[in-house]
């Protein structure tokens, strides 16, 4: 069953370069699509286009009937710290409905590694890992046939990450996934949409490794490359990954980078949305160049952060 169908879909700012150029694709029920591209390429914008939240500048998007979309990130603000874990899931009821079947909420929460006693404690006492598992438990109580996950692995412990992988593999609906976690992409997605540069997207079967095996490589976006005058010093660094091990300081930096990238991409998405609105150019013309300058600065920052992440990740793998 068709969920989303695009025909020559395109999007660009009123006076900017195209972010998406003539994308024609069909997403079916059960497809799990990973979006791959450098920071600033337009992954979040593409999701909004596919879901009809942003109007394309050219081409068409058609949706199947009865789409029920749930965003993982939007659930974060919906946890009530004063209520118990179980009440956050079942809203005071004893049971929840999962895939059309009734299940006791305590039994359901045990699937998410909560003991019966822990399920009855207030959400405010949960650890970070437990809080993320509660989010996952909430996510899969929603009657959704389309899940949208933007960098869902940030701040997940190993147990929760494994749990999320298993749940997504078993999920029968359609998944749109943005992640810098290559192994996670490999384990979850059935195909990828890759930003190849200049707004061009290509579709590949399989995950990140399958794409790389076909010659794929993340390239910085052209505006970032133009704004960043000295990428050359990064060239000798990969050679260092073969001759030394990653330090504890670099490991801490590596662990912090995904959150930093997420913060930058959130700011980037907000400015992108503002610049995509023609009313902004009419209501606040003096703010337009300021917003564009800020967007360019963020694009440079995310490109630098992503390059550093790739460098440290390669060093970590070489040190294993």
C-alpha atoms as a PDB file:
ATOM      1  CA  UNK A   1       0.000   0.000   0.000  1.00  0.00           C
ATOM      2  CA  UNK A   2       1.352   3.400  -0.967  1.00  0.00           C
ATOM      3  CA  UNK A   3       2.017   5.731   1.967  1.00  0.00           C
ATOM      4  CA  UNK A   4       3.821   8.611   0.263  1.00  0.00           C
ATOM      5  CA  UNK A   5       4.396   9.228  -3.425  1.00  0.00           C
ATOM      6  CA  UNK A   6       6.367  12.119  -4.869  1.00  0.00           C
ATOM      7  CA  UNK A   7       6.705  13.289  -8.447  1.00  0.00           C
ATOM      8  CA  UNK A   8       9.570  15.674  -9.297  1.00  0.00           C
ATOM      9  CA  UNK A   9       9.384  17.080  -5.762  1.00  0.00           C
ATOM     10  CA  UNK A  10      11.519  20.192  -5.310  1.00  0.00           C
ATOM     11  CA  UNK A  11      12.124  22.784  -2.651  1.00  0.00           C
ATOM     12  CA  UNK A  12      14.307  25.851  -2.419  1.00  0.00           C
ATOM     13  CA  UNK A  13      14.325  29.141  -0.576  1.00  0.00           C
ATOM     14  CA  UNK A  14      12.697  32.049  -2.418  1.00  0.00           C
ATOM     15  CA  UNK A  15      16.149  33.287  -3.437  1.00  0.00           C
ATOM     16  CA  UNK A  16      18.415  30.381  -2.519  1.00  0.00           C
ATOM     17  CA  UNK A  17      19.858  27.137  -3.847  1.00  0.00           C
ATOM     18  CA  UNK A  18      17.625  24.070  -4.087  1.00  0.00           C
ATOM     19  CA  UNK A  19      17.564  21.797  -1.041  1.00  0.00           C
ATOM     20  CA  UNK A  20      15.597  19.118  -2.900  1.00  0.00           C
ATOM     21  CA  UNK A  21      15.606  18.758  -6.674  1.00  0.00           C
ATOM     22  CA  UNK A  22      13.093  16.647  -8.649  1.00  0.00           C
ATOM     23  CA  UNK A  23      12.687  13.754  -6.206  1.00  0.00           C
ATOM     24  CA  UNK A  24      10.450  11.018  -7.553  1.00  0.00           C
ATOM     25  CA  UNK A  25       9.895   8.101  -5.197  1.00  0.00           C
ATOM     26  CA  UNK A  26       7.245   5.863  -3.665  1.00  0.00           C
ATOM     27  CA  UNK A  27       7.244   4.876  -0.003  1.00  0.00           C
ATOM     28  CA  UNK A  28       5.180   1.827   0.848  1.00  0.00           C
ATOM     29  CA  UNK A  29       3.750   0.533   4.092  1.00  0.00           C
ATOM     30  CA  UNK A  30       6.484  -1.292   5.963  1.00  0.00           C
ATOM     31  CA  UNK A  31       9.321   0.642   4.331  1.00  0.00           C
ATOM     32  CA  UNK A  32      11.958   1.825   6.766  1.00  0.00           C
ATOM     33  CA  UNK A  33      13.768   4.746   5.162  1.00  0.00           C
ATOM     34  CA  UNK A  34      17.047   6.138   6.447  1.00  0.00           C
ATOM     35  CA  UNK A  35      17.992   9.667   5.423  1.00  0.00           C
ATOM     36  CA  UNK A  36      21.717  10.154   4.840  1.00  0.00           C
ATOM     37  CA  UNK A  37      23.484  13.415   4.128  1.00  0.00           C
ATOM     38  CA  UNK A  38      25.788  16.026   5.571  1.00  0.00           C
ATOM     39  CA  UNK A  39      24.452  18.410   8.156  1.00  0.00           C
ATOM     40  CA  UNK A  40      22.650  21.256   6.472  1.00  0.00           C
ATOM     41  CA  UNK A  41      21.726  19.160   3.437  1.00  0.00           C
ATOM     42  CA  UNK A  42      18.022  19.370   4.270  1.00  0.00           C
ATOM     43  CA  UNK A  43      17.063  16.090   5.953  1.00  0.00           C
ATOM     44  CA  UNK A  44      14.570  17.680   8.349  1.00  0.00           C
ATOM     45  CA  UNK A  45      13.167  19.796   5.518  1.00  0.00           C
ATOM     46  CA  UNK A  46      12.691  16.658   3.401  1.00  0.00           C
ATOM     47  CA  UNK A  47      10.721  14.981   6.186  1.00  0.00           C
ATOM     48  CA  UNK A  48       8.443  18.015   6.422  1.00  0.00           C
ATOM     49  CA  UNK A  49       7.942  17.954   2.652  1.00  0.00           C
ATOM     50  CA  UNK A  50       7.149  14.244   2.628  1.00  0.00           C
ATOM     51  CA  UNK A  51       4.612  14.636   5.424  1.00  0.00           C
ATOM     52  CA  UNK A  52       2.925  17.677   3.901  1.00  0.00           C
ATOM     53  CA  UNK A  53       4.061  20.074   6.625  1.00  0.00           C
ATOM     54  CA  UNK A  54       5.954  22.206   4.142  1.00  0.00           C
ATOM     55  CA  UNK A  55       4.740  23.131   0.678  1.00  0.00           C
ATOM     56  CA  UNK A  56       7.096  22.199  -2.180  1.00  0.00           C
ATOM     57  CA  UNK A  57       8.212  24.865  -4.620  1.00  0.00           C
ATOM     58  CA  UNK A  58       7.660  22.389  -7.458  1.00  0.00           C
ATOM     59  CA  UNK A  59       6.369  18.874  -7.967  1.00  0.00           C
ATOM     60  CA  UNK A  60       3.775  16.956  -5.991  1.00  0.00           C
ATOM     61  CA  UNK A  61       3.395  14.860  -2.839  1.00  0.00           C
ATOM     62  CA  UNK A  62       0.529  12.391  -2.529  1.00  0.00           C
ATOM     63  CA  UNK A  63      -0.411  10.597   0.687  1.00  0.00           C
ATOM     64  CA  UNK A  64      -2.208   7.343   1.279  1.00  0.00           C
ATOM     65  CA  UNK A  65      -5.398   7.329   3.301  1.00  0.00           C
ATOM     66  CA  UNK A  66      -5.626   7.458   7.096  1.00  0.00           C
ATOM     67  CA  UNK A  67      -2.031   8.344   7.841  1.00  0.00           C
ATOM     68  CA  UNK A  68      -1.359   8.483  11.585  1.00  0.00           C
ATOM     69  CA  UNK A  69       2.017  10.078  12.223  1.00  0.00           C
ATOM     70  CA  UNK A  70       3.924  10.103  15.510  1.00  0.00           C
ATOM     71  CA  UNK A  71       7.153  11.988  16.198  1.00  0.00           C
ATOM     72  CA  UNK A  72       9.428  10.488  18.828  1.00  0.00           C
ATOM     73  CA  UNK A  73      10.850  13.891  19.838  1.00  0.00           C
ATOM     74  CA  UNK A  74       7.415  15.384  20.465  1.00  0.00           C
ATOM     75  CA  UNK A  75       6.774  12.851  23.225  1.00  0.00           C
ATOM     76  CA  UNK A  76       9.637  14.171  25.362  1.00  0.00           C
ATOM     77  CA  UNK A  77       7.612  17.103  26.648  1.00  0.00           C
ATOM     78  CA  UNK A  78       4.581  14.939  27.422  1.00  0.00           C
ATOM     79  CA  UNK A  79       5.980  13.041  30.412  1.00  0.00           C
ATOM     80  CA  UNK A  80       4.258  14.087  33.637  1.00  0.00           C
ATOM     81  CA  UNK A  81       6.907  13.884  36.361  1.00  0.00           C
ATOM     82  CA  UNK A  82       4.313  13.824  39.142  1.00  0.00           C
ATOM     83  CA  UNK A  83       2.551  10.737  37.807  1.00  0.00           C
ATOM     84  CA  UNK A  84       3.815   7.191  38.017  1.00  0.00           C
ATOM     85  CA  UNK A  85       5.502   5.472  35.117  1.00  0.00           C
ATOM     86  CA  UNK A  86       2.404   3.308  34.622  1.00  0.00           C
ATOM     87  CA  UNK A  87       0.034   6.293  34.702  1.00  0.00           C
ATOM     88  CA  UNK A  88       2.156   8.066  32.103  1.00  0.00           C
ATOM     89  CA  UNK A  89       1.458   5.100  29.833  1.00  0.00           C
ATOM     90  CA  UNK A  90      -2.127   4.167  30.655  1.00  0.00           C
ATOM     91  CA  UNK A  91      -3.432   7.471  32.069  1.00  0.00           C
ATOM     92  CA  UNK A  92      -4.665   5.787  35.239  1.00  0.00           C
ATOM     93  CA  UNK A  93      -6.110   2.706  33.527  1.00  0.00           C
ATOM     94  CA  UNK A  94      -4.991  -0.849  34.234  1.00  0.00           C
ATOM     95  CA  UNK A  95      -4.525  -1.835  30.591  1.00  0.00           C
ATOM     96  CA  UNK A  96      -3.193  -0.444  27.322  1.00  0.00           C
ATOM     97  CA  UNK A  97      -4.080  -1.405  23.770  1.00  0.00           C
ATOM     98  CA  UNK A  98      -1.147  -2.614  21.666  1.00  0.00           C
ATOM     99  CA  UNK A  99      -1.711  -3.664  18.059  1.00  0.00           C
ATOM    100  CA  UNK A 100      -5.418  -3.939  18.774  1.00  0.00           C
ATOM    101  CA  UNK A 101      -4.933  -6.181  21.806  1.00  0.00           C
ATOM    102  CA  UNK A 102      -5.420  -5.305  25.468  1.00  0.00           C
ATOM    103  CA  UNK A 103      -2.423  -5.781  27.765  1.00  0.00           C
ATOM    104  CA  UNK A 104      -1.913  -5.025  31.445  1.00  0.00           C
ATOM    105  CA  UNK A 105       0.185  -1.886  31.774  1.00  0.00           C
ATOM    106  CA  UNK A 106       2.615  -3.458  34.275  1.00  0.00           C
ATOM    107  CA  UNK A 107       3.202  -6.399  31.949  1.00  0.00           C
ATOM    108  CA  UNK A 108       3.660  -4.015  29.030  1.00  0.00           C
ATOM    109  CA  UNK A 109       6.225  -1.970  30.949  1.00  0.00           C
ATOM    110  CA  UNK A 110       8.188  -5.125  31.790  1.00  0.00           C
ATOM    111  CA  UNK A 111       8.835  -5.403  28.047  1.00  0.00           C
ATOM    112  CA  UNK A 112      10.636  -2.071  28.455  1.00  0.00           C
ATOM    113  CA  UNK A 113      12.751  -3.322  31.385  1.00  0.00           C
ATOM    114  CA  UNK A 114      10.633  -1.760  34.156  1.00  0.00           C
ATOM    115  CA  UNK A 115      10.043  -3.952  37.211  1.00  0.00           C
ATOM    116  CA  UNK A 116       6.523  -3.796  38.726  1.00  0.00           C
ATOM    117  CA  UNK A 117       7.832  -1.686  41.612  1.00  0.00           C
ATOM    118  CA  UNK A 118       9.637   0.699  39.282  1.00  0.00           C
ATOM    119  CA  UNK A 119       6.525   1.032  37.114  1.00  0.00           C
ATOM    120  CA  UNK A 120       4.673   2.418  40.131  1.00  0.00           C
ATOM    121  CA  UNK A 121       7.266   5.077  41.010  1.00  0.00           C
ATOM    122  CA  UNK A 122       6.932   8.762  39.980  1.00  0.00           C
ATOM    123  CA  UNK A 123       8.528   9.588  36.654  1.00  0.00           C
ATOM    124  CA  UNK A 124      10.613  12.343  38.250  1.00  0.00           C
ATOM    125  CA  UNK A 125      12.898   9.785  39.948  1.00  0.00           C
ATOM    126  CA  UNK A 126      13.794   7.979  36.721  1.00  0.00           C
ATOM    127  CA  UNK A 127      17.341   7.889  35.443  1.00  0.00           C
ATOM    128  CA  UNK A 128      18.111   9.188  31.971  1.00  0.00           C
ATOM    129  CA  UNK A 129      18.059   5.670  30.503  1.00  0.00           C
ATOM    130  CA  UNK A 130      14.775   4.832  32.234  1.00  0.00           C
ATOM    131  CA  UNK A 131      13.236   8.060  31.002  1.00  0.00           C
ATOM    132  CA  UNK A 132      14.159   7.177  27.437  1.00  0.00           C
ATOM    133  CA  UNK A 133      12.622   3.719  27.865  1.00  0.00           C
ATOM    134  CA  UNK A 134       9.439   5.380  29.110  1.00  0.00           C
ATOM    135  CA  UNK A 135       9.421   7.479  25.946  1.00  0.00           C
ATOM    136  CA  UNK A 136       9.712   4.329  23.853  1.00  0.00           C
ATOM    137  CA  UNK A 137       6.892   2.706  25.805  1.00  0.00           C
ATOM    138  CA  UNK A 138       4.701   5.751  25.123  1.00  0.00           C
ATOM    139  CA  UNK A 139       5.715   5.761  21.470  1.00  0.00           C
ATOM    140  CA  UNK A 140       4.466   2.243  20.828  1.00  0.00           C
ATOM    141  CA  UNK A 141       1.118   2.814  22.523  1.00  0.00           C
ATOM    142  CA  UNK A 142       0.269   5.379  19.863  1.00  0.00           C
ATOM    143  CA  UNK A 143      -1.912   4.149  16.975  1.00  0.00           C
ATOM    144  CA  UNK A 144       0.665   5.230  14.415  1.00  0.00           C
ATOM    145  CA  UNK A 145       1.323   3.821  10.968  1.00  0.00           C
ATOM    146  CA  UNK A 146       4.150   6.305  10.299  1.00  0.00           C
ATOM    147  CA  UNK A 147       6.957   6.894  12.799  1.00  0.00           C
ATOM    148  CA  UNK A 148       9.390   9.795  12.471  1.00  0.00           C
ATOM    149  CA  UNK A 149      12.627   9.560  14.431  1.00  0.00           C
ATOM    150  CA  UNK A 150      15.223  12.324  14.176  1.00  0.00           C
ATOM    151  CA  UNK A 151      18.497  11.293  15.879  1.00  0.00           C
ATOM    152  CA  UNK A 152      16.697   8.942  18.307  1.00  0.00           C
ATOM    153  CA  UNK A 153      19.895   7.275  19.550  1.00  0.00           C
ATOM    154  CA  UNK A 154      21.237  10.413  21.239  1.00  0.00           C
ATOM    155  CA  UNK A 155      21.575   9.862  24.999  1.00  0.00           C
ATOM    156  CA  UNK A 156      20.428   6.221  24.826  1.00  0.00           C
ATOM    157  CA  UNK A 157      22.214   3.632  26.926  1.00  0.00           C
ATOM    158  CA  UNK A 158      23.141   0.283  25.367  1.00  0.00           C
ATOM    159  CA  UNK A 159      20.090  -1.565  26.747  1.00  0.00           C
ATOM    160  CA  UNK A 160      17.668   1.058  25.467  1.00  0.00           C
ATOM    161  CA  UNK A 161      19.384   1.238  22.083  1.00  0.00           C
ATOM    162  CA  UNK A 162      19.104  -2.539  21.656  1.00  0.00           C
ATOM    163  CA  UNK A 163      15.461  -2.379  22.699  1.00  0.00           C
ATOM    164  CA  UNK A 164      14.708   0.390  20.206  1.00  0.00           C
ATOM    165  CA  UNK A 165      16.381  -1.576  17.410  1.00  0.00           C
ATOM    166  CA  UNK A 166      14.280  -4.654  18.162  1.00  0.00           C
ATOM    167  CA  UNK A 167      11.058  -2.630  18.308  1.00  0.00           C
ATOM    168  CA  UNK A 168      11.738  -0.879  15.010  1.00  0.00           C
ATOM    169  CA  UNK A 169      12.693  -4.094  13.233  1.00  0.00           C
ATOM    170  CA  UNK A 170       9.381  -5.623  14.333  1.00  0.00           C
ATOM    171  CA  UNK A 171       7.361  -2.467  13.595  1.00  0.00           C
ATOM    172  CA  UNK A 172       4.871  -3.084  10.785  1.00  0.00           C
ATOM    173  CA  UNK A 173       4.358   0.540   9.761  1.00  0.00           C
ATOM    174  CA  UNK A 174       6.484   3.021   7.834  1.00  0.00           C
ATOM    175  CA  UNK A 175       9.585   4.561   9.386  1.00  0.00           C
ATOM    176  CA  UNK A 176      11.416   7.777   8.462  1.00  0.00           C
ATOM    177  CA  UNK A 177      14.738   7.835  10.299  1.00  0.00           C
ATOM    178  CA  UNK A 178      17.526  10.399  10.571  1.00  0.00           C
ATOM    179  CA  UNK A 179      20.581   9.162  12.439  1.00  0.00           C
ATOM    180  CA  UNK A 180      24.350   9.563  12.501  1.00  0.00           C
ATOM    181  CA  UNK A 181      24.620   6.084  14.028  1.00  0.00           C
ATOM    182  CA  UNK A 182      25.748   3.971  11.090  1.00  0.00           C
ATOM    183  CA  UNK A 183      25.329   0.619  12.844  1.00  0.00           C
ATOM    184  CA  UNK A 184      21.817   1.606  13.917  1.00  0.00           C
ATOM    185  CA  UNK A 185      20.931   2.463  10.318  1.00  0.00           C
ATOM    186  CA  UNK A 186      22.336  -0.840   9.114  1.00  0.00           C
ATOM    187  CA  UNK A 187      20.304  -2.793  11.662  1.00  0.00           C
ATOM    188  CA  UNK A 188      16.997  -1.006  11.130  1.00  0.00           C
ATOM    189  CA  UNK A 189      16.404   0.501   7.685  1.00  0.00           C
ATOM    190  CA  UNK A 190      15.427  -1.301   4.488  1.00  0.00           C
ATOM    191  CA  UNK A 191      16.566   1.482   2.170  1.00  0.00           C
ATOM    192  CA  UNK A 192      18.162   4.914   2.218  1.00  0.00           C
ATOM    193  CA  UNK A 193      17.556   8.282   0.602  1.00  0.00           C
ATOM    194  CA  UNK A 194      20.918   9.994   0.191  1.00  0.00           C
ATOM    195  CA  UNK A 195      21.645  13.668  -0.415  1.00  0.00           C
ATOM    196  CA  UNK A 196      24.252  13.544  -3.192  1.00  0.00           C
ATOM    197  CA  UNK A 197      24.785  17.313  -3.424  1.00  0.00           C
ATOM    198  CA  UNK A 198      23.089  20.266  -5.130  1.00  0.00           C
ATOM    199  CA  UNK A 199      19.666  19.050  -3.996  1.00  0.00           C
ATOM    200  CA  UNK A 200      19.956  15.705  -5.782  1.00  0.00           C
ATOM    201  CA  UNK A 201      18.781  12.616  -3.890  1.00  0.00           C
ATOM    202  CA  UNK A 202      19.377   8.968  -4.738  1.00  0.00           C
ATOM    203  CA  UNK A 203      17.703   5.870  -3.355  1.00  0.00           C
ATOM    204  CA  UNK A 204      19.630   2.755  -2.315  1.00  0.00           C
ATOM    205  CA  UNK A 205      18.516  -0.635  -1.041  1.00  0.00           C
ATOM    206  CA  UNK A 206      19.842  -1.508   2.417  1.00  0.00           C
ATOM    207  CA  UNK A 207      21.527   0.550   5.097  1.00  0.00           C
ATOM    208  CA  UNK A 208      24.590   2.739   5.476  1.00  0.00           C
ATOM    209  CA  UNK A 209      27.110  -0.041   4.762  1.00  0.00           C
ATOM    210  CA  UNK A 210      25.235  -1.072   1.610  1.00  0.00           C
ATOM    211  CA  UNK A 211      25.360   2.516   0.388  1.00  0.00           C
ATOM    212  CA  UNK A 212      29.087   2.807   1.109  1.00  0.00           C
ATOM    213  CA  UNK A 213      29.684  -0.498  -0.693  1.00  0.00           C
ATOM    214  CA  UNK A 214      28.189   1.112  -3.788  1.00  0.00           C
ATOM    215  CA  UNK A 215      30.649   3.985  -3.601  1.00  0.00           C
ATOM    216  CA  UNK A 216      28.705   6.332  -1.348  1.00  0.00           C
ATOM    217  CA  UNK A 217      30.446   8.934   0.743  1.00  0.00           C
ATOM    218  CA  UNK A 218      29.056  11.847   2.776  1.00  0.00           C
ATOM    219  CA  UNK A 219      30.143  15.110   1.200  1.00  0.00           C
ATOM    220  CA  UNK A 220      29.859  18.542   2.820  1.00  0.00           C
ATOM    221  CA  UNK A 221      27.193  20.774   1.342  1.00  0.00           C
ATOM    222  CA  UNK A 222      28.532  23.223  -1.209  1.00  0.00           C
ATOM    223  CA  UNK A 223      27.638  26.363   0.779  1.00  0.00           C
ATOM    224  CA  UNK A 224      29.572  24.983   3.740  1.00  0.00           C
ATOM    225  CA  UNK A 225      32.566  24.050   1.587  1.00  0.00           C
ATOM    226  CA  UNK A 226      32.635  27.536   0.148  1.00  0.00           C
ATOM    227  CA  UNK A 227      32.343  29.151   3.573  1.00  0.00           C
ATOM    228  CA  UNK A 228      34.996  26.971   5.141  1.00  0.00           C
ATOM    229  CA  UNK A 229      38.298  27.949   3.516  1.00  0.00           C
ATOM    230  CA  UNK A 230      40.633  25.392   5.035  1.00  0.00           C
ATOM    231  CA  UNK A 231      39.380  21.789   4.944  1.00  0.00           C
ATOM    232  CA  UNK A 232      42.866  20.640   3.917  1.00  0.00           C
ATOM    233  CA  UNK A 233      44.278  20.244   7.462  1.00  0.00           C
ATOM    234  CA  UNK A 234      41.768  17.459   8.055  1.00  0.00           C
ATOM    235  CA  UNK A 235      43.453  15.332   5.382  1.00  0.00           C
ATOM    236  CA  UNK A 236      46.398  14.041   7.429  1.00  0.00           C
ATOM    237  CA  UNK A 237      44.285  13.312  10.512  1.00  0.00           C
ATOM    238  CA  UNK A 238      42.895   9.969   9.299  1.00  0.00           C
ATOM    239  CA  UNK A 239      46.496   8.777   9.030  1.00  0.00           C
ATOM    240  CA  UNK A 240      46.853   9.369  12.758  1.00  0.00           C
ATOM    241  CA  UNK A 241      43.959   7.011  13.480  1.00  0.00           C
ATOM    242  CA  UNK A 242      46.126   4.103  12.338  1.00  0.00           C
ATOM    243  CA  UNK A 243      49.070   4.946  14.570  1.00  0.00           C
ATOM    244  CA  UNK A 244      47.502   5.752  17.951  1.00  0.00           C
ATOM    245  CA  UNK A 245      44.534   4.998  20.174  1.00  0.00           C
ATOM    246  CA  UNK A 246      41.760   7.368  21.047  1.00  0.00           C
ATOM    247  CA  UNK A 247      42.223   9.198  24.342  1.00  0.00           C
ATOM    248  CA  UNK A 248      39.682   9.471  27.146  1.00  0.00           C
ATOM    249  CA  UNK A 249      39.344  13.178  26.437  1.00  0.00           C
ATOM    250  CA  UNK A 250      38.559  12.432  22.801  1.00  0.00           C
ATOM    251  CA  UNK A 251      36.050   9.770  23.862  1.00  0.00           C
ATOM    252  CA  UNK A 252      34.231  12.329  26.001  1.00  0.00           C
ATOM    253  CA  UNK A 253      34.283  14.751  23.096  1.00  0.00           C
ATOM    254  CA  UNK A 254      32.891  12.041  20.802  1.00  0.00           C
ATOM    255  CA  UNK A 255      30.080  11.283  23.236  1.00  0.00           C
ATOM    256  CA  UNK A 256      29.148  14.981  23.456  1.00  0.00           C
ATOM    257  CA  UNK A 257      29.152  15.670  19.718  1.00  0.00           C
ATOM    258  CA  UNK A 258      25.772  14.071  18.805  1.00  0.00           C
ATOM    259  CA  UNK A 259      23.963  16.324  21.293  1.00  0.00           C
ATOM    260  CA  UNK A 260      25.828  19.375  19.996  1.00  0.00           C
ATOM    261  CA  UNK A 261      24.967  18.421  16.413  1.00  0.00           C
ATOM    262  CA  UNK A 262      21.324  17.931  17.379  1.00  0.00           C
ATOM    263  CA  UNK A 263      21.197  21.400  18.986  1.00  0.00           C
ATOM    264  CA  UNK A 264      22.723  22.997  15.899  1.00  0.00           C
ATOM    265  CA  UNK A 265      20.373  21.153  13.555  1.00  0.00           C
ATOM    266  CA  UNK A 266      17.366  22.235  15.631  1.00  0.00           C
ATOM    267  CA  UNK A 267      18.435  25.874  15.292  1.00  0.00           C
ATOM    268  CA  UNK A 268      19.121  25.283  11.615  1.00  0.00           C
ATOM    269  CA  UNK A 269      15.664  23.814  11.058  1.00  0.00           C
ATOM    270  CA  UNK A 270      13.992  26.771  12.771  1.00  0.00           C
ATOM    271  CA  UNK A 271      15.795  29.289  10.567  1.00  0.00           C
ATOM    272  CA  UNK A 272      15.181  27.156   7.461  1.00  0.00           C
ATOM    273  CA  UNK A 273      11.452  27.124   8.184  1.00  0.00           C
ATOM    274  CA  UNK A 274      11.446  30.886   8.684  1.00  0.00           C
ATOM    275  CA  UNK A 275      13.310  31.505   5.424  1.00  0.00           C
ATOM    276  CA  UNK A 276      10.962  29.159   3.576  1.00  0.00           C
ATOM    277  CA  UNK A 277       7.974  31.329   4.487  1.00  0.00           C
ATOM    278  CA  UNK A 278       7.342  34.089   1.904  1.00  0.00           C
ATOM    279  CA  UNK A 279       5.528  36.101   4.583  1.00  0.00           C
ATOM    280  CA  UNK A 280       8.819  36.495   6.467  1.00  0.00           C
ATOM    281  CA  UNK A 281      10.293  38.410   3.530  1.00  0.00           C
ATOM    282  CA  UNK A 282       7.309  40.783   3.543  1.00  0.00           C
ATOM    283  CA  UNK A 283       6.857  41.285   7.283  1.00  0.00           C
ATOM    284  CA  UNK A 284      10.500  41.591   8.323  1.00  0.00           C
ATOM    285  CA  UNK A 285      12.713  42.271   5.292  1.00  0.00           C
ATOM    286  CA  UNK A 286      15.499  43.713   7.461  1.00  0.00           C
ATOM    287  CA  UNK A 287      15.784  40.422   9.355  1.00  0.00           C
ATOM    288  CA  UNK A 288      16.242  38.313   6.225  1.00  0.00           C
ATOM    289  CA  UNK A 289      19.991  38.946   5.723  1.00  0.00           C
ATOM    290  CA  UNK A 290      20.596  38.429   9.445  1.00  0.00           C
ATOM    291  CA  UNK A 291      18.796  35.089   9.341  1.00  0.00           C
ATOM    292  CA  UNK A 292      20.747  34.033   6.266  1.00  0.00           C
ATOM    293  CA  UNK A 293      24.060  34.953   7.871  1.00  0.00           C
ATOM    294  CA  UNK A 294      23.129  32.997  10.973  1.00  0.00           C
ATOM    295  CA  UNK A 295      22.107  30.010   8.836  1.00  0.00           C
ATOM    296  CA  UNK A 296      25.439  30.075   7.005  1.00  0.00           C
ATOM    297  CA  UNK A 297      27.289  30.220  10.321  1.00  0.00           C
ATOM    298  CA  UNK A 298      25.320  27.262  11.668  1.00  0.00           C
ATOM    299  CA  UNK A 299      25.939  25.301   8.474  1.00  0.00           C
ATOM    300  CA  UNK A 300      29.648  25.832   8.943  1.00  0.00           C
ATOM    301  CA  UNK A 301      29.431  24.797  12.595  1.00  0.00           C
ATOM    302  CA  UNK A 302      27.511  21.594  11.856  1.00  0.00           C
ATOM    303  CA  UNK A 303      29.867  20.683   9.036  1.00  0.00           C
ATOM    304  CA  UNK A 304      32.838  21.153  11.361  1.00  0.00           C
ATOM    305  CA  UNK A 305      31.158  19.177  14.147  1.00  0.00           C
ATOM    306  CA  UNK A 306      30.196  16.360  11.810  1.00  0.00           C
ATOM    307  CA  UNK A 307      33.699  16.184  10.347  1.00  0.00           C
ATOM    308  CA  UNK A 308      35.117  15.998  13.862  1.00  0.00           C
ATOM    309  CA  UNK A 309      32.602  13.279  14.761  1.00  0.00           C
ATOM    310  CA  UNK A 310      33.634  11.224  11.719  1.00  0.00           C
ATOM    311  CA  UNK A 311      37.299  11.667  12.609  1.00  0.00           C
ATOM    312  CA  UNK A 312      36.842  10.599  16.232  1.00  0.00           C
ATOM    313  CA  UNK A 313      34.510   7.734  15.339  1.00  0.00           C
ATOM    314  CA  UNK A 314      37.103   6.379  12.909  1.00  0.00           C
ATOM    315  CA  UNK A 315      39.729   6.685  15.628  1.00  0.00           C
ATOM    316  CA  UNK A 316      37.491   4.887  18.124  1.00  0.00           C
ATOM    317  CA  UNK A 317      36.899   2.006  15.699  1.00  0.00           C
ATOM    318  CA  UNK A 318      40.617   1.756  14.947  1.00  0.00           C
ATOM    319  CA  UNK A 319      41.325   1.636  18.682  1.00  0.00           C
ATOM    320  CA  UNK A 320      38.864  -1.179  19.373  1.00  0.00           C
END
